[in-house]
Each structure stands twice: as C-alpha cells, then as structure tokens.
C-alpha cells in the first residue's frame, strides 16, 4: 500500500508542471493564437521548440520574447507583449514550450 501511495504521489508531482504550464498559457491568452501541434495565428509550440532546439540560451531568449512581444520571426502578425507576466512565469512557459508543450 505504501509503494502504491508513493507511486501515485510521484506520478502526480511529475505531471503537475505540465498541467500548470498549460493552465498558465491558457490564463494568459497564449492559446488564443498558439496550439501545441498546429499553426493558428502564431506558430505551433512544437515548431518553436524545433526551431530553437540547438540554441543554448533558448529558454531565456524565448522568455524575453514572450514578455516583450515581437514580429518578423514567424511572419507579419505581431505577438503582443506580456509585460504583466512575471519573469518566473515567462521562463516556465518558455521551458514548457521548448519541451513540446505536453
């Protein structure tokens, strides 16, 4: 019984960041323009992850881009800035996106 409880606890703790990041993306309207696996207004998160996969500072760069907004990287439609988003939340979103938004 103890092993089963421990396994359930570990499974819950390992999946919590993914759910938290998905909720964070939804609560900040990111999912209005992005999806994990298909282009909407902006690129699919998996395409973003693929584009920056070999970049060492990808998470920091993407977090900065999320907060500042921008245009021209993925086409003519600008991504609005998210200045109210904390640095920690921007980094959490960036890491989630780079991980495939799962």
PDB file of N, CA and C in Angstrom:
ATOM      1  N   UNK A   1       0.823  -1.192   0.000  1.00  0.00           N
ATOM      2  CA  UNK A   1       0.000   0.000   0.000  1.00  0.00           C
ATOM      3  C   UNK A   1       0.868   1.258   0.000  1.00  0.00           C
ATOM      4  N   UNK A   2       1.954   1.220   0.767  1.00  0.00           N
ATOM      5  CA  UNK A   2       2.845   2.383   0.825  1.00  0.00           C
ATOM      6  C   UNK A   2       3.492   2.624  -0.537  1.00  0.00           C
ATOM      7  N   UNK A   3       3.908   1.552  -1.207  1.00  0.00           N
ATOM      8  CA  UNK A   3       4.506   1.696  -2.538  1.00  0.00           C
ATOM      9  C   UNK A   3       3.521   2.303  -3.533  1.00  0.00           C
ATOM     10  N   UNK A   4       2.271   1.860  -3.472  1.00  0.00           N
ATOM     11  CA  UNK A   4       1.268   2.372  -4.382  1.00  0.00           C
ATOM     12  C   UNK A   4       1.009   3.861  -4.107  1.00  0.00           C
ATOM     13  N   UNK A   5       0.959   4.244  -2.860  1.00  0.00           N
ATOM     14  CA  UNK A   5       0.762   5.648  -2.493  1.00  0.00           C
ATOM     15  C   UNK A   5       1.950   6.484  -2.959  1.00  0.00           C
ATOM     16  N   UNK A   6       3.158   5.978  -2.769  1.00  0.00           N
ATOM     17  CA  UNK A   6       4.360   6.694  -3.203  1.00  0.00           C
ATOM     18  C   UNK A   6       4.382   6.844  -4.725  1.00  0.00           C
ATOM     19  N   UNK A   7       4.016   5.801  -5.430  1.00  0.00           N
ATOM     20  CA  UNK A   7       3.990   5.861  -6.896  1.00  0.00           C
ATOM     21  C   UNK A   7       2.961   6.874  -7.377  1.00  0.00           C
ATOM     22  N   UNK A   8       1.805   6.906  -6.756  1.00  0.00           N
ATOM     23  CA  UNK A   8       0.766   7.863  -7.121  1.00  0.00           C
ATOM     24  C   UNK A   8       1.238   9.296  -6.853  1.00  0.00           C
ATOM     25  N   UNK A   9       1.884   9.492  -5.719  1.00  0.00           N
ATOM     26  CA  UNK A   9       2.416  10.810  -5.372  1.00  0.00           C
ATOM     27  C   UNK A   9       3.454  11.259  -6.394  1.00  0.00           C
ATOM     28  N   UNK A  10       4.378  10.392  -6.742  1.00  0.00           N
ATOM     29  CA  UNK A  10       5.418  10.749  -7.711  1.00  0.00           C
ATOM     30  C   UNK A  10       4.829  11.042  -9.088  1.00  0.00           C
ATOM     31  N   UNK A  11       3.873  10.249  -9.513  1.00  0.00           N
ATOM     32  CA  UNK A  11       3.231  10.478 -10.798  1.00  0.00           C
ATOM     33  C   UNK A  11       2.534  11.834 -10.814  1.00  0.00           C
ATOM     34  N   UNK A  12       1.848  12.155  -9.736  1.00  0.00           N
ATOM     35  CA  UNK A  12       1.168  13.447  -9.638  1.00  0.00           C
ATOM     36  C   UNK A  12       2.168  14.588  -9.669  1.00  0.00           C
ATOM     37  N   UNK A  13       3.256  14.473  -8.953  1.00  0.00           N
ATOM     38  CA  UNK A  13       4.247  15.541  -8.887  1.00  0.00           C
ATOM     39  C   UNK A  13       4.960  15.721 -10.228  1.00  0.00           C
ATOM     40  N   UNK A  14       5.176  14.655 -10.960  1.00  0.00           N
ATOM     41  CA  UNK A  14       5.862  14.764 -12.243  1.00  0.00           C
ATOM     42  C   UNK A  14       4.982  15.366 -13.330  1.00  0.00           C
ATOM     43  N   UNK A  15       3.684  15.187 -13.248  1.00  0.00           N
ATOM     44  CA  UNK A  15       2.790  15.742 -14.266  1.00  0.00           C
ATOM     45  C   UNK A  15       2.277  17.125 -13.902  1.00  0.00           C
ATOM     46  N   UNK A  16       2.448  17.558 -12.681  1.00  0.00           N
ATOM     47  CA  UNK A  16       1.955  18.854 -12.241  1.00  0.00           C
ATOM     48  C   UNK A  16       2.533  20.021 -13.029  1.00  0.00           C
ATOM     49  N   UNK A  17       3.848  20.095 -13.288  1.00  0.00           N
ATOM     50  CA  UNK A  17       4.358  21.239 -14.042  1.00  0.00           C
ATOM     51  C   UNK A  17       3.758  21.359 -15.436  1.00  0.00           C
ATOM     52  N   UNK A  18       3.521  20.259 -16.100  1.00  0.00           N
ATOM     53  CA  UNK A  18       2.930  20.321 -17.440  1.00  0.00           C
ATOM     54  C   UNK A  18       1.519  20.895 -17.377  1.00  0.00           C
ATOM     55  N   UNK A  19       0.732  20.441 -16.416  1.00  0.00           N
ATOM     56  CA  UNK A  19      -0.625  20.969 -16.273  1.00  0.00           C
ATOM     57  C   UNK A  19      -0.591  22.425 -15.852  1.00  0.00           C
ATOM     58  N   UNK A  20       0.331  22.761 -14.959  1.00  0.00           N
ATOM     59  CA  UNK A  20       0.461  24.143 -14.503  1.00  0.00           C
ATOM     60  C   UNK A  20       0.859  25.046 -15.659  1.00  0.00           C
ATOM     61  N   UNK A  21       1.759  24.599 -16.509  1.00  0.00           N
ATOM     62  CA  UNK A  21       2.195  25.410 -17.647  1.00  0.00           C
ATOM     63  C   UNK A  21       1.095  25.560 -18.682  1.00  0.00           C
ATOM     64  N   UNK A  22       0.340  24.517 -18.895  1.00  0.00           N
ATOM     65  CA  UNK A  22      -0.799  24.595 -19.803  1.00  0.00           C
ATOM     66  C   UNK A  22      -1.824  25.587 -19.260  1.00  0.00           C
ATOM     67  N   UNK A  23      -2.078  25.528 -17.979  1.00  0.00           N
ATOM     68  CA  UNK A  23      -3.011  26.462 -17.351  1.00  0.00           C
ATOM     69  C   UNK A  23      -2.475  27.886 -17.429  1.00  0.00           C
ATOM     70  N   UNK A  24      -1.180  28.042 -17.257  1.00  0.00           N
ATOM     71  CA  UNK A  24      -0.546  29.357 -17.356  1.00  0.00           C
ATOM     72  C   UNK A  24      -0.705  29.917 -18.769  1.00  0.00           C
ATOM     73  N   UNK A  25      -0.506  29.077 -19.774  1.00  0.00           N
ATOM     74  CA  UNK A  25      -0.678  29.512 -21.161  1.00  0.00           C
ATOM     75  C   UNK A  25      -2.125  29.904 -21.437  1.00  0.00           C
ATOM     76  N   UNK A  26      -3.051  29.139 -20.911  1.00  0.00           N
ATOM     77  CA  UNK A  26      -4.471  29.458 -21.093  1.00  0.00           C
ATOM     78  C   UNK A  26      -4.865  30.733 -20.368  1.00  0.00           C
ATOM     79  N   UNK A  27      -4.377  30.911 -19.160  1.00  0.00           N
ATOM     80  CA  UNK A  27      -4.772  32.080 -18.370  1.00  0.00           C
ATOM     81  C   UNK A  27      -4.169  33.376 -18.897  1.00  0.00           C
ATOM     82  N   UNK A  28      -3.141  33.285 -19.724  1.00  0.00           N
ATOM     83  CA  UNK A  28      -2.517  34.482 -20.290  1.00  0.00           C
ATOM     84  C   UNK A  28      -2.842  34.655 -21.769  1.00  0.00           C
ATOM     85  N   UNK A  29      -3.868  33.968 -22.235  1.00  0.00           N
ATOM     86  CA  UNK A  29      -4.391  34.077 -23.601  1.00  0.00           C
ATOM     87  C   UNK A  29      -3.415  33.609 -24.678  1.00  0.00           C
ATOM     88  N   UNK A  30      -2.377  32.874 -24.308  1.00  0.00           N
ATOM     89  CA  UNK A  30      -1.423  32.361 -25.294  1.00  0.00           C
ATOM     90  C   UNK A  30      -2.102  31.398 -26.266  1.00  0.00           C
ATOM     91  N   UNK A  31      -3.043  30.619 -25.744  1.00  0.00           N
ATOM     92  CA  UNK A  31      -3.691  29.595 -26.549  1.00  0.00           C
ATOM     93  C   UNK A  31      -4.707  30.195 -27.538  1.00  0.00           C
ATOM     94  N   UNK A  32      -4.937  31.486 -27.449  1.00  0.00           N
ATOM     95  CA  UNK A  32      -5.793  32.146 -28.440  1.00  0.00           C
ATOM     96  C   UNK A  32      -5.108  32.189 -29.803  1.00  0.00           C
ATOM     97  N   UNK A  33      -3.787  32.241 -29.783  1.00  0.00           N
ATOM     98  CA  UNK A  33      -3.017  32.354 -31.034  1.00  0.00           C
ATOM     99  C   UNK A  33      -2.114  31.153 -31.303  1.00  0.00           C
ATOM    100  N   UNK A  34      -1.866  30.324 -30.306  1.00  0.00           N
ATOM    101  CA  UNK A  34      -0.947  29.199 -30.450  1.00  0.00           C
ATOM    102  C   UNK A  34      -1.610  27.897 -30.037  1.00  0.00           C
ATOM    103  N   UNK A  35      -1.165  26.811 -30.635  1.00  0.00           N
ATOM    104  CA  UNK A  35      -1.547  25.456 -30.239  1.00  0.00           C
ATOM    105  C   UNK A  35      -0.269  24.632 -30.183  1.00  0.00           C
ATOM    106  N   UNK A  36      -0.331  23.514 -29.521  1.00  0.00           N
ATOM    107  CA  UNK A  36       0.868  22.688 -29.390  1.00  0.00           C
ATOM    108  C   UNK A  36       1.336  22.140 -30.726  1.00  0.00           C
ATOM    109  N   UNK A  37       0.396  21.695 -31.549  1.00  0.00           N
ATOM    110  CA  UNK A  37       0.782  20.936 -32.732  1.00  0.00           C
ATOM    111  C   UNK A  37       0.325  21.496 -34.077  1.00  0.00           C
ATOM    112  N   UNK A  38      -0.280  22.691 -34.078  1.00  0.00           N
ATOM    113  CA  UNK A  38      -0.693  23.277 -35.359  1.00  0.00           C
ATOM    114  C   UNK A  38      -0.623  24.794 -35.292  1.00  0.00           C
ATOM    115  N   UNK A  39      -0.373  25.383 -36.448  1.00  0.00           N
ATOM    116  CA  UNK A  39      -0.317  26.833 -36.547  1.00  0.00           C
ATOM    117  C   UNK A  39      -1.726  27.399 -36.450  1.00  0.00           C
ATOM    118  N   UNK A  40      -1.891  28.400 -35.620  1.00  0.00           N
ATOM    119  CA  UNK A  40      -3.135  29.156 -35.588  1.00  0.00           C
ATOM    120  C   UNK A  40      -2.797  30.542 -36.144  1.00  0.00           C
ATOM    121  N   UNK A  41      -2.813  31.545 -35.313  1.00  0.00           N
ATOM    122  CA  UNK A  41      -2.336  32.862 -35.716  1.00  0.00           C
ATOM    123  C   UNK A  41      -0.811  32.865 -35.670  1.00  0.00           C
ATOM    124  N   UNK A  42      -0.287  32.303 -34.594  1.00  0.00           N
ATOM    125  CA  UNK A  42       1.153  32.160 -34.424  1.00  0.00           C
ATOM    126  C   UNK A  42       1.571  30.719 -34.653  1.00  0.00           C
ATOM    127  N   UNK A  43       2.859  30.465 -34.576  1.00  0.00           N
ATOM    128  CA  UNK A  43       3.364  29.113 -34.847  1.00  0.00           C
ATOM    129  C   UNK A  43       2.953  28.105 -33.774  1.00  0.00           C
ATOM    130  N   UNK A  44       2.947  26.840 -34.159  1.00  0.00           N
ATOM    131  CA  UNK A  44       2.720  25.762 -33.199  1.00  0.00           C
ATOM    132  C   UNK A  44       3.879  25.735 -32.218  1.00  0.00           C
ATOM    133  N   UNK A  45       3.599  25.445 -30.978  1.00  0.00           N
ATOM    134  CA  UNK A  45       4.663  25.387 -29.967  1.00  0.00           C
ATOM    135  C   UNK A  45       5.732  24.366 -30.336  1.00  0.00           C
ATOM    136  N   UNK A  46       5.339  23.279 -30.950  1.00  0.00           N
ATOM    137  CA  UNK A  46       6.336  22.261 -31.327  1.00  0.00           C
ATOM    138  C   UNK A  46       7.266  22.775 -32.415  1.00  0.00           C
ATOM    139  N   UNK A  47       6.777  23.656 -33.294  1.00  0.00           N
ATOM    140  CA  UNK A  47       7.638  24.284 -34.299  1.00  0.00           C
ATOM    141  C   UNK A  47       8.623  25.243 -33.640  1.00  0.00           C
ATOM    142  N   UNK A  48       8.155  25.952 -32.624  1.00  0.00           N
ATOM    143  CA  UNK A  48       9.042  26.849 -31.873  1.00  0.00           C
ATOM    144  C   UNK A  48      10.136  26.024 -31.205  1.00  0.00           C
ATOM    145  N   UNK A  49       9.745  24.924 -30.575  1.00  0.00           N
ATOM    146  CA  UNK A  49      10.724  24.056 -29.907  1.00  0.00           C
ATOM    147  C   UNK A  49      11.747  23.525 -30.905  1.00  0.00           C
ATOM    148  N   UNK A  50      11.285  23.135 -32.080  1.00  0.00           N
ATOM    149  CA  UNK A  50      12.186  22.605 -33.108  1.00  0.00           C
ATOM    150  C   UNK A  50      13.168  23.684 -33.595  1.00  0.00           C
ATOM    151  N   UNK A  51      12.659  24.893 -33.798  1.00  0.00           N
ATOM    152  CA  UNK A  51      13.495  25.984 -34.305  1.00  0.00           C
ATOM    153  C   UNK A  51      14.632  26.336 -33.343  1.00  0.00           C
ATOM    154  N   UNK A  52      14.352  26.284 -32.047  1.00  0.00           N
ATOM    155  CA  UNK A  52      15.338  26.710 -31.060  1.00  0.00           C
ATOM    156  C   UNK A  52      16.013  25.556 -30.320  1.00  0.00           C
ATOM    157  N   UNK A  53      15.823  24.332 -30.792  1.00  0.00           N
ATOM    158  CA  UNK A  53      16.334  23.151 -30.092  1.00  0.00           C
ATOM    159  C   UNK A  53      17.840  23.185 -29.862  1.00  0.00           C
ATOM    160  N   UNK A  54      18.595  23.717 -30.789  1.00  0.00           N
ATOM    161  CA  UNK A  54      20.055  23.688 -30.646  1.00  0.00           C
ATOM    162  C   UNK A  54      20.628  24.946 -29.992  1.00  0.00           C
ATOM    163  N   UNK A  55      19.777  25.867 -29.625  1.00  0.00           N
ATOM    164  CA  UNK A  55      20.227  27.118 -29.030  1.00  0.00           C
ATOM    165  C   UNK A  55      20.388  26.957 -27.518  1.00  0.00           C
ATOM    166  N   UNK A  56      21.590  27.219 -27.007  1.00  0.00           N
ATOM    167  CA  UNK A  56      21.861  27.022 -25.583  1.00  0.00           C
ATOM    168  C   UNK A  56      21.012  27.910 -24.682  1.00  0.00           C
ATOM    169  N   UNK A  57      20.797  29.132 -25.060  1.00  0.00           N
ATOM    170  CA  UNK A  57      20.054  30.079 -24.231  1.00  0.00           C
ATOM    171  C   UNK A  57      18.592  30.219 -24.672  1.00  0.00           C
ATOM    172  N   UNK A  58      18.052  29.177 -25.261  1.00  0.00           N
ATOM    173  CA  UNK A  58      16.713  29.247 -25.855  1.00  0.00           C
ATOM    174  C   UNK A  58      15.640  29.627 -24.833  1.00  0.00           C
ATOM    175  N   UNK A  59      15.670  29.055 -23.647  1.00  0.00           N
ATOM    176  CA  UNK A  59      14.625  29.335 -22.654  1.00  0.00           C
ATOM    177  C   UNK A  59      14.641  30.806 -22.246  1.00  0.00           C
ATOM    178  N   UNK A  60      15.816  31.337 -21.984  1.00  0.00           N
ATOM    179  CA  UNK A  60      15.919  32.749 -21.589  1.00  0.00           C
ATOM    180  C   UNK A  60      15.499  33.662 -22.738  1.00  0.00           C
ATOM    181  N   UNK A  61      15.926  33.340 -23.947  1.00  0.00           N
ATOM    182  CA  UNK A  61      15.588  34.139 -25.122  1.00  0.00           C
ATOM    183  C   UNK A  61      14.082  34.126 -25.373  1.00  0.00           C
ATOM    184  N   UNK A  62      13.484  32.940 -25.272  1.00  0.00           N
ATOM    185  CA  UNK A  62      12.054  32.818 -25.508  1.00  0.00           C
ATOM    186  C   UNK A  62      11.251  33.518 -24.409  1.00  0.00           C
ATOM    187  N   UNK A  63      11.685  33.402 -23.171  1.00  0.00           N
ATOM    188  CA  UNK A  63      11.008  34.090 -22.068  1.00  0.00           C
ATOM    189  C   UNK A  63      11.024  35.598 -22.301  1.00  0.00           C
ATOM    190  N   UNK A  64      12.153  36.110 -22.744  1.00  0.00           N
ATOM    191  CA  UNK A  64      12.269  37.543 -23.036  1.00  0.00           C
ATOM    192  C   UNK A  64      11.323  37.930 -24.173  1.00  0.00           C
ATOM    193  N   UNK A  65      11.237  37.093 -25.192  1.00  0.00           N
ATOM    194  CA  UNK A  65      10.363  37.345 -26.330  1.00  0.00           C
ATOM    195  C   UNK A  65       8.892  37.303 -25.922  1.00  0.00           C
ATOM    196  N   UNK A  66       8.540  36.406 -25.023  1.00  0.00           N
ATOM    197  CA  UNK A  66       7.165  36.310 -24.531  1.00  0.00           C
ATOM    198  C   UNK A  66       6.787  37.609 -23.825  1.00  0.00           C
ATOM    199  N   UNK A  67       7.677  38.097 -22.976  1.00  0.00           N
ATOM    200  CA  UNK A  67       7.386  39.327 -22.232  1.00  0.00           C
ATOM    201  C   UNK A  67       7.380  40.563 -23.124  1.00  0.00           C
ATOM    202  N   UNK A  68       8.305  40.640 -24.071  1.00  0.00           N
ATOM    203  CA  UNK A  68       8.450  41.842 -24.901  1.00  0.00           C
ATOM    204  C   UNK A  68       7.545  41.843 -26.130  1.00  0.00           C
ATOM    205  N   UNK A  69       7.086  40.660 -26.555  1.00  0.00           N
ATOM    206  CA  UNK A  69       6.339  40.562 -27.788  1.00  0.00           C
ATOM    207  C   UNK A  69       7.294  40.686 -28.969  1.00  0.00           C
ATOM    208  N   UNK A  70       6.765  40.784 -30.159  1.00  0.00           N
ATOM    209  CA  UNK A  70       7.639  40.941 -31.305  1.00  0.00           C
ATOM    210  C   UNK A  70       6.942  40.598 -32.599  1.00  0.00           C
ATOM    211  N   UNK A  71       7.673  40.770 -33.684  1.00  0.00           N
ATOM    212  CA  UNK A  71       7.152  40.403 -35.003  1.00  0.00           C
ATOM    213  C   UNK A  71       8.325  40.121 -35.927  1.00  0.00           C
ATOM    214  N   UNK A  72       8.016  39.429 -37.009  1.00  0.00           N
ATOM    215  CA  UNK A  72       9.021  39.161 -38.020  1.00  0.00           C
ATOM    216  C   UNK A  72       9.712  37.822 -37.908  1.00  0.00           C
ATOM    217  N   UNK A  73       9.666  37.178 -36.750  1.00  0.00           N
ATOM    218  CA  UNK A  73      10.324  35.870 -36.599  1.00  0.00           C
ATOM    219  C   UNK A  73       9.520  34.761 -37.261  1.00  0.00           C
ATOM    220  N   UNK A  74       8.195  34.904 -37.263  1.00  0.00           N
ATOM    221  CA  UNK A  74       7.311  33.857 -37.763  1.00  0.00           C
ATOM    222  C   UNK A  74       6.317  34.371 -38.780  1.00  0.00           C
ATOM    223  N   UNK A  75       6.515  35.565 -39.244  1.00  0.00           N
ATOM    224  CA  UNK A  75       5.589  36.143 -40.210  1.00  0.00           C
ATOM    225  C   UNK A  75       5.225  37.562 -39.815  1.00  0.00           C
ATOM    226  N   UNK A  76       4.280  38.147 -40.521  1.00  0.00           N
ATOM    227  CA  UNK A  76       3.984  39.558 -40.325  1.00  0.00           C
ATOM    228  C   UNK A  76       3.107  39.892 -39.113  1.00  0.00           C
ATOM    229  N   UNK A  77       2.399  38.909 -38.556  1.00  0.00           N
ATOM    230  CA  UNK A  77       1.490  39.189 -37.445  1.00  0.00           C
ATOM    231  C   UNK A  77       2.302  39.321 -36.152  1.00  0.00           C
ATOM    232  N   UNK A  78       2.214  40.461 -35.477  1.00  0.00           N
ATOM    233  CA  UNK A  78       2.988  40.644 -34.254  1.00  0.00           C
ATOM    234  C   UNK A  78       2.410  39.856 -33.079  1.00  0.00           C
ATOM    235  N   UNK A  79       3.295  39.414 -32.201  1.00  0.00           N
ATOM    236  CA  UNK A  79       2.874  38.796 -30.952  1.00  0.00           C
ATOM    237  C   UNK A  79       2.833  39.899 -29.905  1.00  0.00           C
ATOM    238  N   UNK A  80       1.686  40.089 -29.247  1.00  0.00           N
ATOM    239  CA  UNK A  80       1.607  41.154 -28.253  1.00  0.00           C
ATOM    240  C   UNK A  80       2.500  40.873 -27.052  1.00  0.00           C
ATOM    241  N   UNK A  81       2.987  41.936 -26.455  1.00  0.00           N
ATOM    242  CA  UNK A  81       3.822  41.822 -25.258  1.00  0.00           C
ATOM    243  C   UNK A  81       2.977  41.352 -24.074  1.00  0.00           C
ATOM    244  N   UNK A  82       3.632  40.726 -23.132  1.00  0.00           N
ATOM    245  CA  UNK A  82       3.003  40.271 -21.889  1.00  0.00           C
ATOM    246  C   UNK A  82       3.758  40.892 -20.708  1.00  0.00           C
ATOM    247  N   UNK A  83       3.759  42.216 -20.577  1.00  0.00           N
ATOM    248  CA  UNK A  83       4.564  42.868 -19.550  1.00  0.00           C
ATOM    249  C   UNK A  83       4.146  42.542 -18.117  1.00  0.00           C
ATOM    250  N   UNK A  84       2.896  42.166 -17.907  1.00  0.00           N
ATOM    251  CA  UNK A  84       2.432  41.841 -16.562  1.00  0.00           C
ATOM    252  C   UNK A  84       2.863  40.440 -16.116  1.00  0.00           C
ATOM    253  N   UNK A  85       3.316  39.625 -17.041  1.00  0.00           N
ATOM    254  CA  UNK A  85       3.765  38.270 -16.729  1.00  0.00           C
ATOM    255  C   UNK A  85       5.083  38.342 -15.967  1.00  0.00           C
ATOM    256  N   UNK A  86       5.175  37.630 -14.876  1.00  0.00           N
ATOM    257  CA  UNK A  86       6.425  37.638 -14.104  1.00  0.00           C
ATOM    258  C   UNK A  86       7.542  36.957 -14.893  1.00  0.00           C
ATOM    259  N   UNK A  87       8.779  37.286 -14.557  1.00  0.00           N
ATOM    260  CA  UNK A  87       9.918  36.639 -15.212  1.00  0.00           C
ATOM    261  C   UNK A  87       9.880  35.132 -14.995  1.00  0.00           C
ATOM    262  N   UNK A  88       9.503  34.720 -13.791  1.00  0.00           N
ATOM    263  CA  UNK A  88       9.442  33.284 -13.479  1.00  0.00           C
ATOM    264  C   UNK A  88       8.385  32.582 -14.321  1.00  0.00           C
ATOM    265  N   UNK A  89       7.216  33.205 -14.475  1.00  0.00           N
ATOM    266  CA  UNK A  89       6.161  32.595 -15.286  1.00  0.00           C
ATOM    267  C   UNK A  89       6.544  32.574 -16.764  1.00  0.00           C
ATOM    268  N   UNK A  90       7.202  33.627 -17.238  1.00  0.00           N
ATOM    269  CA  UNK A  90       7.658  33.648 -18.631  1.00  0.00           C
ATOM    270  C   UNK A  90       8.657  32.525 -18.875  1.00  0.00           C
ATOM    271  N   UNK A  91       9.557  32.302 -17.932  1.00  0.00           N
ATOM    272  CA  UNK A  91      10.534  31.225 -18.071  1.00  0.00           C
ATOM    273  C   UNK A  91       9.860  29.855 -17.999  1.00  0.00           C
ATOM    274  N   UNK A  92       8.871  29.716 -17.134  1.00  0.00           N
ATOM    275  CA  UNK A  92       8.114  28.462 -17.050  1.00  0.00           C
ATOM    276  C   UNK A  92       7.429  28.164 -18.376  1.00  0.00           C
ATOM    277  N   UNK A  93       6.797  29.171 -18.952  1.00  0.00           N
ATOM    278  CA  UNK A  93       6.150  28.991 -20.263  1.00  0.00           C
ATOM    279  C   UNK A  93       7.169  28.637 -21.334  1.00  0.00           C
ATOM    280  N   UNK A  94       8.292  29.327 -21.330  1.00  0.00           N
ATOM    281  CA  UNK A  94       9.329  29.062 -22.329  1.00  0.00           C
ATOM    282  C   UNK A  94       9.833  27.624 -22.225  1.00  0.00           C
ATOM    283  N   UNK A  95      10.080  27.163 -21.023  1.00  0.00           N
ATOM    284  CA  UNK A  95      10.565  25.790 -20.830  1.00  0.00           C
ATOM    285  C   UNK A  95       9.511  24.769 -21.258  1.00  0.00           C
ATOM    286  N   UNK A  96       8.249  25.066 -20.960  1.00  0.00           N
ATOM    287  CA  UNK A  96       7.155  24.190 -21.358  1.00  0.00           C
ATOM    288  C   UNK A  96       7.051  24.118 -22.890  1.00  0.00           C
ATOM    289  N   UNK A  97       7.152  25.272 -23.539  1.00  0.00           N
ATOM    290  CA  UNK A  97       7.097  25.310 -25.000  1.00  0.00           C
ATOM    291  C   UNK A  97       8.268  24.535 -25.602  1.00  0.00           C
ATOM    292  N   UNK A  98       9.463  24.771 -25.081  1.00  0.00           N
ATOM    293  CA  UNK A  98      10.650  24.098 -25.602  1.00  0.00           C
ATOM    294  C   UNK A  98      10.622  22.590 -25.345  1.00  0.00           C
ATOM    295  N   UNK A  99       9.851  22.189 -24.358  1.00  0.00           N
ATOM    296  CA  UNK A  99       9.669  20.776 -24.057  1.00  0.00           C
ATOM    297  C   UNK A  99       8.581  20.124 -24.899  1.00  0.00           C
ATOM    298  N   UNK A 100       8.007  20.856 -25.830  1.00  0.00           N
ATOM    299  CA  UNK A 100       6.986  20.302 -26.707  1.00  0.00           C
ATOM    300  C   UNK A 100       5.569  20.611 -26.290  1.00  0.00           C
ATOM    301  N   UNK A 101       5.407  21.465 -25.261  1.00  0.00           N
ATOM    302  CA  UNK A 101       4.075  21.877 -24.789  1.00  0.00           C
ATOM    303  C   UNK A 101       3.184  20.668 -24.494  1.00  0.00           C
ATOM    304  N   UNK A 102       3.735  19.727 -23.773  1.00  0.00           N
ATOM    305  CA  UNK A 102       2.980  18.497 -23.445  1.00  0.00           C
ATOM    306  C   UNK A 102       2.354  18.610 -22.078  1.00  0.00           C
TER     307      UNK A 102
END
